[in-house]
Amino acid sequence: LQQKIAPMATRAAWSLGDMPDLEKYYIHIPDTKFEGAYYRAVDAIRNDNFRQAQDSIDLARELLDVELTTLANESYNRAYSAMINAQLLSELEEVWYYKILPERRQSICEIWQKRMQGNQPIIDDYHRLLLTHSLCL
């Protein structure tokens, strides 16, 4: 039950800005699942630990690759969610660049706006992307 609820609880804590609870919940998501690796990367970026973040992002990409390959053969709609997850990973890396390269901030924001305009109008996806962008604040 904890593994099923943990991803929702983790995102809820992050949405509320409750970072101690974010940590408390994501540890129940195995890092062998995309969400587990993703939230570990989020926490590492939040704590300015890019090496750990990159390791978690790389792991999440490996996990996503298998899912994306399988879903791409089924249908676009099923693969779209995995594509959003791939976008989240790229944007996590860009959050790091945003933090360390002030001269790139404007171009990163412009890229994010263009990507958002190209996404399907799915509120849940927008929410996840905007939460990722909020790591810059």
Protein backbone atom coordinates (compact mmCIF):
# COMPACT_ATOMS: atom_id res chain seq x y z
CA LEU A 1 0.00 0.00 0.00
CA GLN A 2 2.84 2.41 0.84
CA GLN A 3 4.37 1.93 -2.61
CA LYS A 4 1.06 2.79 -4.28
CA ILE A 5 0.39 5.89 -2.19
CA ALA A 6 3.97 7.16 -1.96
CA PRO A 7 4.13 8.77 -5.46
CA MET A 8 0.90 10.71 -4.85
CA ALA A 9 1.95 11.72 -1.34
CA THR A 10 5.37 12.80 -2.59
CA ARG A 11 3.91 15.02 -5.30
CA ALA A 12 1.36 16.46 -2.87
CA ALA A 13 4.11 17.33 -0.38
CA TRP A 14 6.17 18.96 -3.15
CA SER A 15 3.14 20.90 -4.38
CA LEU A 16 2.63 22.24 -0.87
CA GLY A 17 6.31 23.09 -0.50
CA ASP A 18 6.64 20.58 2.35
CA MET A 19 10.13 19.29 1.62
CA PRO A 20 10.57 17.24 4.82
CA ASP A 21 7.45 15.27 3.86
CA LEU A 22 8.69 14.95 0.27
CA GLU A 23 11.74 13.12 1.63
CA LYS A 24 9.62 11.09 4.02
CA TYR A 25 7.40 9.78 1.22
CA TYR A 26 9.73 9.23 -1.72
CA ILE A 27 11.91 6.80 0.21
CA HIS A 28 9.00 4.35 -0.06
CA ILE A 29 9.21 4.40 -3.86
CA PRO A 30 11.80 1.88 -5.06
CA ASP A 31 14.54 3.49 -7.13
CA THR A 32 13.96 0.68 -9.60
CA LYS A 33 10.80 2.54 -10.63
CA PHE A 34 10.84 5.73 -12.69
CA GLU A 35 9.11 7.76 -9.96
CA GLY A 36 11.64 6.65 -7.34
CA ALA A 37 14.63 7.67 -9.44
CA TYR A 38 12.90 10.91 -10.52
CA TYR A 39 12.09 12.05 -6.97
CA ARG A 40 15.59 11.19 -5.79
CA ALA A 41 16.93 13.41 -8.59
CA VAL A 42 14.54 16.20 -7.57
CA ASP A 43 15.74 16.01 -3.97
CA ALA A 44 19.39 15.96 -5.03
CA ILE A 45 18.94 19.05 -7.21
CA ARG A 46 17.08 20.77 -4.41
CA ASN A 47 20.11 20.09 -2.21
CA ASP A 48 22.58 21.21 -4.91
CA ASN A 49 24.04 17.72 -5.29
CA PHE A 50 24.32 17.47 -9.06
CA ARG A 51 26.40 14.27 -9.14
CA GLN A 52 23.72 12.38 -7.21
CA ALA A 53 21.01 14.06 -9.30
CA GLN A 54 22.69 13.04 -12.55
CA ASP A 55 23.04 9.44 -11.36
CA SER A 56 19.32 9.36 -10.52
CA ILE A 57 18.39 11.01 -13.84
CA ASP A 58 20.49 8.45 -15.73
CA LEU A 59 18.79 5.61 -13.86
CA ALA A 60 15.34 7.10 -14.55
CA ARG A 61 16.23 7.34 -18.26
CA GLU A 62 17.23 3.68 -18.34
CA LEU A 63 13.94 2.69 -16.70
CA LEU A 64 12.00 4.95 -19.05
CA ASP A 65 13.75 3.59 -22.14
CA VAL A 66 12.25 0.14 -21.65
CA GLU A 67 8.78 1.57 -21.07
CA LEU A 68 8.98 3.97 -24.00
CA THR A 69 10.16 1.31 -26.42
CA THR A 70 7.27 -0.94 -25.43
CA LEU A 71 4.62 1.79 -25.51
CA ALA A 72 5.80 3.34 -28.76
CA ASN A 73 4.94 0.10 -30.50
CA GLU A 74 1.41 0.19 -29.08
CA SER A 75 0.08 3.70 -29.64
CA TYR A 76 0.91 7.40 -29.51
CA ASN A 77 -1.49 8.06 -26.65
CA ARG A 78 0.08 5.40 -24.47
CA ALA A 79 3.60 6.60 -25.30
CA TYR A 80 2.76 10.28 -24.65
CA SER A 81 2.96 9.90 -20.87
CA ALA A 82 6.42 8.36 -21.17
CA MET A 83 7.46 11.23 -23.46
CA ILE A 84 6.40 13.70 -20.77
CA ASN A 85 8.56 11.77 -18.30
CA ALA A 86 11.50 12.11 -20.71
CA GLN A 87 10.81 15.85 -20.91
CA LEU A 88 10.78 16.04 -17.09
CA LEU A 89 14.25 14.49 -16.95
CA SER A 90 15.64 16.94 -19.51
CA GLU A 91 14.13 19.83 -17.64
CA LEU A 92 15.59 18.61 -14.34
CA GLU A 93 19.02 18.88 -15.94
CA GLU A 94 18.13 22.33 -17.23
CA VAL A 95 17.13 23.39 -13.71
CA TRP A 96 20.69 22.67 -12.69
CA TYR A 97 22.03 24.77 -15.57
CA TYR A 98 19.59 27.51 -14.62
CA LYS A 99 21.06 27.51 -11.11
CA ILE A 100 24.72 27.58 -12.08
CA LEU A 101 24.68 29.57 -15.34
CA PRO A 102 22.83 32.87 -14.84
CA GLU A 103 23.57 33.91 -18.43
CA ARG A 104 21.45 30.98 -19.73
CA ARG A 105 18.38 31.63 -17.58
CA GLN A 106 16.40 33.56 -20.17
CA SER A 107 17.03 31.04 -22.94
CA ILE A 108 16.09 28.14 -20.65
CA CYS A 109 12.80 29.86 -19.75
CA GLU A 110 12.06 30.47 -23.44
CA ILE A 111 12.72 26.81 -24.24
CA TRP A 112 10.38 25.73 -21.44
CA GLN A 113 7.63 28.01 -22.75
CA LYS A 114 7.95 26.62 -26.28
CA ARG A 115 7.87 23.06 -25.03
CA MET A 116 4.79 23.72 -22.91
CA GLN A 117 3.02 25.15 -25.96
CA GLY A 118 3.79 21.95 -27.85
CA ASN A 119 2.37 19.68 -25.16
CA GLN A 120 -1.16 18.36 -25.10
CA PRO A 121 -3.37 20.45 -22.78
CA ILE A 122 -3.30 17.98 -19.89
CA ILE A 123 -3.40 19.72 -16.51
CA ASP A 124 -1.57 16.92 -14.70
CA ASP A 125 1.34 17.15 -17.14
CA TYR A 126 1.50 20.94 -16.82
CA HIS A 127 1.51 20.57 -13.04
CA ARG A 128 4.43 18.14 -13.10
CA LEU A 129 6.42 20.36 -15.46
CA LEU A 130 5.75 23.50 -13.44
CA LEU A 131 6.77 21.74 -10.23
CA THR A 132 10.06 20.88 -11.91
CA HIS A 133 10.51 24.51 -12.97
CA SER A 134 9.78 25.61 -9.39
CA LEU A 135 13.12 24.12 -8.33
CA CYS A 136 14.66 27.29 -9.79
CA LEU A 137 12.94 29.45 -7.20
